[in-house]
Amino acid sequence: MKQVRTWDEFFENIAETMYFQNIQTFLSSAYQKKVYPKRDDVFKAFTLTPLEKVKVVIIGQDPYHQPGQAMGLAFSVPSREKLPPSLRNIFKEMSDDLQAPLREDGDLTYLAKQGVFLYNTILTVEEGKPLSHNISAYESFTSEVLKTLNNAPQPIVFLLWGTKAKEYRKYINATNKLVLTANHPSPLSANRGGFFGTKHFSKTNEFLAKYGINPINWV
């Protein structure tokens, strides 16, 4: 696919592809049941973080599958919601890495607006059924999203946490892109080691600073 400058161009280019048409058909059917996030929030990450403004990419797997949590941004929950375990661990590592207060508000919109693209590789989920929407069309869509980000002219840091996220490493090879990998922040994975102490947040800001780009205000 040719290089695109905006997410609007990206969606225009893929509109007629079979996989994107399959996604649209799938969503029309899926939302007859209880599905998260809200239909209007499925592509929220693209709306909040324009392609030309992306500085960091954090890849999640699929949305939270309980009521009131999923909001179209990977790992994020509305401010009123209790922090899910993975997000709590992210905030703990963030606090330890940056020697900053522990964040308690789980709404990550503040990061999305700074250029952190919070992307779930599976965009939707049926209530109470994790990975229920693990369809091949989403996989094709995600591969094109990653290729587009890799081809973007600006430096970008990719934070790939967990086995599933690391599978997309193969799409990132541009010389001005940095890939940092770690275990998933879920308690089962993070507590085995390989997430805490990785200092991905400070390393990200160091990389951005090297290119004269404003760092992310993580906390």
C-alpha atoms as a PDB file:
ATOM      1  CA  MET A   1       0.000   0.000   0.000  1.00  0.00           C
ATOM      2  CA  LYS A   2       1.279   3.454  -0.879  1.00  0.00           C
ATOM      3  CA  GLN A   3       2.391   5.799   1.864  1.00  0.00           C
ATOM      4  CA  VAL A   4      -0.462   7.781   3.347  1.00  0.00           C
ATOM      5  CA  ARG A   5      -0.352  11.020   5.317  1.00  0.00           C
ATOM      6  CA  THR A   6      -3.523  10.749   7.394  1.00  0.00           C
ATOM      7  CA  TRP A   7      -5.808   8.097   8.825  1.00  0.00           C
ATOM      8  CA  ASP A   8      -8.541   9.388   6.491  1.00  0.00           C
ATOM      9  CA  GLU A   9      -6.332   8.505   3.533  1.00  0.00           C
ATOM     10  CA  PHE A  10      -5.613   5.134   5.126  1.00  0.00           C
ATOM     11  CA  PHE A  11      -9.309   4.290   5.430  1.00  0.00           C
ATOM     12  CA  GLU A  12      -9.986   5.541   1.907  1.00  0.00           C
ATOM     13  CA  ASN A  13      -7.283   3.206   0.572  1.00  0.00           C
ATOM     14  CA  ILE A  14      -8.603   0.113   2.340  1.00  0.00           C
ATOM     15  CA  ALA A  15     -12.327   0.810   1.954  1.00  0.00           C
ATOM     16  CA  GLU A  16     -12.747  -1.589  -0.962  1.00  0.00           C
ATOM     17  CA  THR A  17     -10.568  -4.391   0.375  1.00  0.00           C
ATOM     18  CA  MET A  18     -12.235  -7.667   1.195  1.00  0.00           C
ATOM     19  CA  TYR A  19     -11.004  -7.714   4.787  1.00  0.00           C
ATOM     20  CA  PHE A  20     -12.351  -4.238   5.573  1.00  0.00           C
ATOM     21  CA  GLN A  21     -15.691  -5.022   3.998  1.00  0.00           C
ATOM     22  CA  ASN A  22     -15.726  -8.215   6.066  1.00  0.00           C
ATOM     23  CA  ILE A  23     -15.117  -6.135   9.206  1.00  0.00           C
ATOM     24  CA  GLN A  24     -18.067  -3.894   8.391  1.00  0.00           C
ATOM     25  CA  THR A  25     -20.322  -6.880   7.768  1.00  0.00           C
ATOM     26  CA  PHE A  26     -19.106  -8.559  10.954  1.00  0.00           C
ATOM     27  CA  LEU A  27     -19.749  -5.453  13.058  1.00  0.00           C
ATOM     28  CA  SER A  28     -23.272  -5.036  11.712  1.00  0.00           C
ATOM     29  CA  SER A  29     -24.040  -8.555  12.872  1.00  0.00           C
ATOM     30  CA  ALA A  30     -21.995  -8.541  16.091  1.00  0.00           C
ATOM     31  CA  TYR A  31     -23.708  -5.490  17.546  1.00  0.00           C
ATOM     32  CA  GLN A  32     -27.013  -7.351  17.622  1.00  0.00           C
ATOM     33  CA  LYS A  33     -25.548  -8.739  20.866  1.00  0.00           C
ATOM     34  CA  LYS A  34     -23.863  -6.954  23.775  1.00  0.00           C
ATOM     35  CA  VAL A  35     -20.481  -5.901  22.400  1.00  0.00           C
ATOM     36  CA  TYR A  36     -17.759  -3.559  23.650  1.00  0.00           C
ATOM     37  CA  PRO A  37     -16.752  -0.825  23.121  1.00  0.00           C
ATOM     38  CA  LYS A  38     -19.743   1.194  21.922  1.00  0.00           C
ATOM     39  CA  ARG A  39     -20.076   1.041  18.151  1.00  0.00           C
ATOM     40  CA  ASP A  40     -19.098   4.709  17.824  1.00  0.00           C
ATOM     41  CA  ASP A  41     -15.857   4.035  19.734  1.00  0.00           C
ATOM     42  CA  VAL A  42     -14.532   1.109  17.662  1.00  0.00           C
ATOM     43  CA  PHE A  43     -12.066   3.341  15.777  1.00  0.00           C
ATOM     44  CA  LYS A  44     -11.619   5.903  18.562  1.00  0.00           C
ATOM     45  CA  ALA A  45      -7.827   5.485  18.688  1.00  0.00           C
ATOM     46  CA  PHE A  46      -7.595   6.720  15.099  1.00  0.00           C
ATOM     47  CA  THR A  47      -9.777   9.732  15.893  1.00  0.00           C
ATOM     48  CA  LEU A  48      -7.876  10.847  18.996  1.00  0.00           C
ATOM     49  CA  THR A  49      -4.356  10.294  17.634  1.00  0.00           C
ATOM     50  CA  PRO A  50      -3.874  11.545  14.058  1.00  0.00           C
ATOM     51  CA  LEU A  51      -1.344   9.548  12.052  1.00  0.00           C
ATOM     52  CA  GLU A  52       0.967  12.524  11.594  1.00  0.00           C
ATOM     53  CA  LYS A  53       0.981  13.117  15.368  1.00  0.00           C
ATOM     54  CA  VAL A  54       1.805   9.538  16.450  1.00  0.00           C
ATOM     55  CA  LYS A  55       4.931   9.375  18.624  1.00  0.00           C
ATOM     56  CA  VAL A  56       4.335   6.109  20.489  1.00  0.00           C
ATOM     57  CA  VAL A  57       2.336   2.961  19.754  1.00  0.00           C
ATOM     58  CA  ILE A  58       1.073   0.692  22.534  1.00  0.00           C
ATOM     59  CA  ILE A  59      -0.560  -2.499  21.324  1.00  0.00           C
ATOM     60  CA  GLY A  60      -3.240  -4.281  23.311  1.00  0.00           C
ATOM     61  CA  GLN A  61      -5.037  -7.521  22.470  1.00  0.00           C
ATOM     62  CA  ASP A  62      -8.818  -7.034  22.664  1.00  0.00           C
ATOM     63  CA  PRO A  63     -11.105  -4.697  24.630  1.00  0.00           C
ATOM     64  CA  TYR A  64     -12.196  -5.257  28.215  1.00  0.00           C
ATOM     65  CA  HIS A  65     -15.216  -7.546  28.155  1.00  0.00           C
ATOM     66  CA  GLN A  66     -17.071  -6.350  31.258  1.00  0.00           C
ATOM     67  CA  PRO A  67     -19.646  -3.495  31.332  1.00  0.00           C
ATOM     68  CA  GLY A  68     -18.409   0.064  31.608  1.00  0.00           C
ATOM     69  CA  GLN A  69     -14.736  -0.552  30.900  1.00  0.00           C
ATOM     70  CA  ALA A  70     -13.895  -0.595  27.178  1.00  0.00           C
ATOM     71  CA  MET A  71     -13.682   2.811  25.530  1.00  0.00           C
ATOM     72  CA  GLY A  72     -11.865   2.185  22.247  1.00  0.00           C
ATOM     73  CA  LEU A  73      -8.345   2.768  23.573  1.00  0.00           C
ATOM     74  CA  ALA A  74      -6.041  -0.109  24.539  1.00  0.00           C
ATOM     75  CA  PHE A  75      -5.767  -0.590  28.336  1.00  0.00           C
ATOM     76  CA  SER A  76      -7.887   2.528  29.038  1.00  0.00           C
ATOM     77  CA  VAL A  77     -11.035   2.684  31.188  1.00  0.00           C
ATOM     78  CA  PRO A  78     -13.296   5.646  32.020  1.00  0.00           C
ATOM     79  CA  SER A  79     -12.236   7.728  35.011  1.00  0.00           C
ATOM     80  CA  ARG A  80     -14.990   6.392  37.246  1.00  0.00           C
ATOM     81  CA  GLU A  81     -13.965   2.751  36.719  1.00  0.00           C
ATOM     82  CA  LYS A  82     -11.789   0.671  39.022  1.00  0.00           C
ATOM     83  CA  LEU A  83      -8.345   0.085  37.539  1.00  0.00           C
ATOM     84  CA  PRO A  84      -8.045  -3.327  35.839  1.00  0.00           C
ATOM     85  CA  PRO A  85      -5.007  -5.357  37.012  1.00  0.00           C
ATOM     86  CA  SER A  86      -2.976  -4.831  33.819  1.00  0.00           C
ATOM     87  CA  LEU A  87      -3.474  -1.081  33.900  1.00  0.00           C
ATOM     88  CA  ARG A  88      -2.597  -0.972  37.577  1.00  0.00           C
ATOM     89  CA  ASN A  89       0.700  -2.709  36.760  1.00  0.00           C
ATOM     90  CA  ILE A  90       1.353  -0.264  33.913  1.00  0.00           C
ATOM     91  CA  PHE A  91       0.890   2.631  36.314  1.00  0.00           C
ATOM     92  CA  LYS A  92       3.135   0.962  38.891  1.00  0.00           C
ATOM     93  CA  GLU A  93       5.967   0.569  36.387  1.00  0.00           C
ATOM     94  CA  MET A  94       5.361   4.109  35.139  1.00  0.00           C
ATOM     95  CA  SER A  95       5.621   5.448  38.690  1.00  0.00           C
ATOM     96  CA  ASP A  96       8.747   3.454  39.517  1.00  0.00           C
ATOM     97  CA  ASP A  97      10.432   4.315  36.212  1.00  0.00           C
ATOM     98  CA  LEU A  98       9.768   8.042  36.380  1.00  0.00           C
ATOM     99  CA  GLN A  99       9.901   8.443  40.157  1.00  0.00           C
ATOM    100  CA  ALA A 100       6.443   9.980  39.987  1.00  0.00           C
ATOM    101  CA  PRO A 101       3.187   9.619  41.938  1.00  0.00           C
ATOM    102  CA  LEU A 102       1.100   6.529  41.209  1.00  0.00           C
ATOM    103  CA  ARG A 103      -1.682   7.435  38.823  1.00  0.00           C
ATOM    104  CA  GLU A 104      -5.206   6.440  39.855  1.00  0.00           C
ATOM    105  CA  ASP A 105      -7.308   7.677  36.915  1.00  0.00           C
ATOM    106  CA  GLY A 106      -7.537   4.948  34.261  1.00  0.00           C
ATOM    107  CA  ASP A 107      -8.700   7.166  31.400  1.00  0.00           C
ATOM    108  CA  LEU A 108      -5.744   7.263  28.993  1.00  0.00           C
ATOM    109  CA  THR A 109      -7.228   9.885  26.710  1.00  0.00           C
ATOM    110  CA  TYR A 110      -4.537  12.247  27.992  1.00  0.00           C
ATOM    111  CA  LEU A 111      -1.922   9.994  26.376  1.00  0.00           C
ATOM    112  CA  ALA A 112      -3.828   9.577  23.112  1.00  0.00           C
ATOM    113  CA  LYS A 113      -3.968  13.359  22.746  1.00  0.00           C
ATOM    114  CA  GLN A 114      -0.188  13.560  23.196  1.00  0.00           C
ATOM    115  CA  GLY A 115       0.505  11.163  20.339  1.00  0.00           C
ATOM    116  CA  VAL A 116       0.298   7.752  22.027  1.00  0.00           C
ATOM    117  CA  PHE A 117      -1.651   5.463  19.685  1.00  0.00           C
ATOM    118  CA  LEU A 118      -3.462   3.014  21.990  1.00  0.00           C
ATOM    119  CA  TYR A 119      -4.442   0.228  19.631  1.00  0.00           C
ATOM    120  CA  ASN A 120      -6.146  -3.120  20.249  1.00  0.00           C
ATOM    121  CA  THR A 121      -5.361  -5.661  17.515  1.00  0.00           C
ATOM    122  CA  ILE A 122      -8.900  -7.028  17.971  1.00  0.00           C
ATOM    123  CA  LEU A 123     -11.200  -4.021  17.998  1.00  0.00           C
ATOM    124  CA  THR A 124     -14.312  -5.510  19.618  1.00  0.00           C
ATOM    125  CA  VAL A 125     -15.428  -8.213  22.048  1.00  0.00           C
ATOM    126  CA  GLU A 126     -18.687  -9.806  23.131  1.00  0.00           C
ATOM    127  CA  GLU A 127     -19.611  -9.218  26.756  1.00  0.00           C
ATOM    128  CA  GLY A 128     -17.998 -11.770  29.066  1.00  0.00           C
ATOM    129  CA  LYS A 129     -16.216 -13.577  26.224  1.00  0.00           C
ATOM    130  CA  PRO A 130     -12.560 -12.549  25.814  1.00  0.00           C
ATOM    131  CA  LEU A 131     -11.134 -13.128  22.323  1.00  0.00           C
ATOM    132  CA  SER A 132     -14.646 -13.855  21.016  1.00  0.00           C
ATOM    133  CA  HIS A 133     -14.007 -11.564  18.027  1.00  0.00           C
ATOM    134  CA  ASN A 134     -10.626 -12.978  17.050  1.00  0.00           C
ATOM    135  CA  ILE A 135     -11.325 -12.910  13.311  1.00  0.00           C
ATOM    136  CA  SER A 136      -8.882 -12.995  10.410  1.00  0.00           C
ATOM    137  CA  ALA A 137     -10.189  -9.703   9.022  1.00  0.00           C
ATOM    138  CA  TYR A 138      -8.948  -7.888  12.118  1.00  0.00           C
ATOM    139  CA  GLU A 139      -5.546  -9.517  11.676  1.00  0.00           C
ATOM    140  CA  SER A 140      -5.335  -8.249   8.080  1.00  0.00           C
ATOM    141  CA  PHE A 141      -6.460  -4.805   9.185  1.00  0.00           C
ATOM    142  CA  THR A 142      -3.874  -4.680  11.970  1.00  0.00           C
ATOM    143  CA  SER A 143      -1.043  -5.663   9.652  1.00  0.00           C
ATOM    144  CA  GLU A 144      -1.907  -2.714   7.398  1.00  0.00           C
ATOM    145  CA  VAL A 145      -2.115  -0.371  10.386  1.00  0.00           C
ATOM    146  CA  LEU A 146       1.381  -1.433  11.498  1.00  0.00           C
ATOM    147  CA  LYS A 147       2.809  -1.119   7.978  1.00  0.00           C
ATOM    148  CA  THR A 148       1.340   2.368   7.730  1.00  0.00           C
ATOM    149  CA  LEU A 149       2.881   3.401  11.049  1.00  0.00           C
ATOM    150  CA  ASN A 150       6.232   1.922  10.009  1.00  0.00           C
ATOM    151  CA  ASN A 151       6.112   3.971   6.785  1.00  0.00           C
ATOM    152  CA  ALA A 152       5.207   7.206   8.567  1.00  0.00           C
ATOM    153  CA  PRO A 153       8.045   9.720   8.210  1.00  0.00           C
ATOM    154  CA  GLN A 154       8.344  10.652  11.878  1.00  0.00           C
ATOM    155  CA  PRO A 155      10.244   8.718  14.575  1.00  0.00           C
ATOM    156  CA  ILE A 156       7.929   6.397  16.533  1.00  0.00           C
ATOM    157  CA  VAL A 157       8.445   4.137  19.543  1.00  0.00           C
ATOM    158  CA  PHE A 158       6.555   0.827  19.561  1.00  0.00           C
ATOM    159  CA  LEU A 159       5.886  -0.752  22.956  1.00  0.00           C
ATOM    160  CA  LEU A 160       5.102  -4.424  22.394  1.00  0.00           C
ATOM    161  CA  TRP A 161       4.022  -6.089  25.624  1.00  0.00           C
ATOM    162  CA  GLY A 162       3.255  -9.792  25.565  1.00  0.00           C
ATOM    163  CA  THR A 163       3.438 -12.594  23.028  1.00  0.00           C
ATOM    164  CA  LYS A 164       0.547 -11.407  20.864  1.00  0.00           C
ATOM    165  CA  ALA A 165       1.904  -7.869  20.551  1.00  0.00           C
ATOM    166  CA  LYS A 166       5.390  -9.145  19.745  1.00  0.00           C
ATOM    167  CA  GLU A 167       3.999 -11.017  16.729  1.00  0.00           C
ATOM    168  CA  TYR A 168       3.671  -7.659  14.982  1.00  0.00           C
ATOM    169  CA  ARG A 169       7.379  -6.894  15.350  1.00  0.00           C
ATOM    170  CA  LYS A 170       7.927  -8.160  11.797  1.00  0.00           C
ATOM    171  CA  TYR A 171       6.140  -5.140  10.330  1.00  0.00           C
ATOM    172  CA  ILE A 172       8.470  -2.593  11.935  1.00  0.00           C
ATOM    173  CA  ASN A 173      11.849  -2.070  10.278  1.00  0.00           C
ATOM    174  CA  ALA A 174      12.243   1.638   9.497  1.00  0.00           C
ATOM    175  CA  THR A 175      15.503   3.129  10.702  1.00  0.00           C
ATOM    176  CA  ASN A 176      13.822   5.886  12.736  1.00  0.00           C
ATOM    177  CA  LYS A 177      11.558   3.517  14.655  1.00  0.00           C
ATOM    178  CA  LEU A 178      12.335   1.997  18.073  1.00  0.00           C
ATOM    179  CA  VAL A 179      10.799  -1.269  19.270  1.00  0.00           C
ATOM    180  CA  LEU A 180      10.765  -2.090  22.983  1.00  0.00           C
ATOM    181  CA  THR A 181       9.405  -5.469  24.072  1.00  0.00           C
ATOM    182  CA  ALA A 182       8.398  -6.863  27.450  1.00  0.00           C
ATOM    183  CA  ASN A 183       6.124  -9.390  29.084  1.00  0.00           C
ATOM    184  CA  HIS A 184       2.443  -8.487  29.207  1.00  0.00           C
ATOM    185  CA  PRO A 185       1.485  -6.288  32.192  1.00  0.00           C
ATOM    186  CA  SER A 186      -1.200  -8.730  33.346  1.00  0.00           C
ATOM    187  CA  PRO A 187      -0.453 -10.045  36.866  1.00  0.00           C
ATOM    188  CA  LEU A 188       0.126 -13.616  35.661  1.00  0.00           C
ATOM    189  CA  SER A 189       2.770 -12.487  33.199  1.00  0.00           C
ATOM    190  CA  ALA A 190       4.224  -9.384  34.843  1.00  0.00           C
ATOM    191  CA  ASN A 191       4.835 -11.081  38.175  1.00  0.00           C
ATOM    192  CA  ARG A 192       7.037 -13.675  36.454  1.00  0.00           C
ATOM    193  CA  GLY A 193       9.433 -10.878  35.548  1.00  0.00           C
ATOM    194  CA  GLY A 194      10.127  -9.131  32.278  1.00  0.00           C
ATOM    195  CA  PHE A 195       7.747  -6.187  32.690  1.00  0.00           C
ATOM    196  CA  PHE A 196       8.611  -4.416  35.921  1.00  0.00           C
ATOM    197  CA  GLY A 197      11.935  -2.625  35.710  1.00  0.00           C
ATOM    198  CA  THR A 198      12.022  -2.413  31.897  1.00  0.00           C
ATOM    199  CA  LYS A 199      11.823   1.413  32.079  1.00  0.00           C
ATOM    200  CA  HIS A 200      10.001   1.686  28.768  1.00  0.00           C
ATOM    201  CA  PHE A 201       8.538   5.086  29.618  1.00  0.00           C
ATOM    202  CA  SER A 202      11.838   6.839  30.265  1.00  0.00           C
ATOM    203  CA  LYS A 203      13.477   5.035  27.324  1.00  0.00           C
ATOM    204  CA  THR A 204      10.677   6.246  25.068  1.00  0.00           C
ATOM    205  CA  ASN A 205      11.185   9.842  26.122  1.00  0.00           C
ATOM    206  CA  GLU A 206      14.952   9.549  25.680  1.00  0.00           C
ATOM    207  CA  PHE A 207      14.428   8.338  22.110  1.00  0.00           C
ATOM    208  CA  LEU A 208      12.001  11.152  21.316  1.00  0.00           C
ATOM    209  CA  ALA A 209      14.360  13.726  22.808  1.00  0.00           C
ATOM    210  CA  LYS A 210      17.170  12.434  20.585  1.00  0.00           C
ATOM    211  CA  TYR A 211      15.068  13.486  17.601  1.00  0.00           C
ATOM    212  CA  GLY A 212      14.063  16.821  19.113  1.00  0.00           C
ATOM    213  CA  ILE A 213      10.491  15.657  19.778  1.00  0.00           C
ATOM    214  CA  ASN A 214       8.605  16.726  22.880  1.00  0.00           C
ATOM    215  CA  PRO A 215       8.491  13.842  25.382  1.00  0.00           C
ATOM    216  CA  ILE A 216       5.298  12.228  26.626  1.00  0.00           C
ATOM    217  CA  ASN A 217       3.939  13.484  29.933  1.00  0.00           C
ATOM    218  CA  TRP A 218       3.152   9.981  31.204  1.00  0.00           C
ATOM    219  CA  VAL A 219       1.911  10.878  34.655  1.00  0.00           C
END
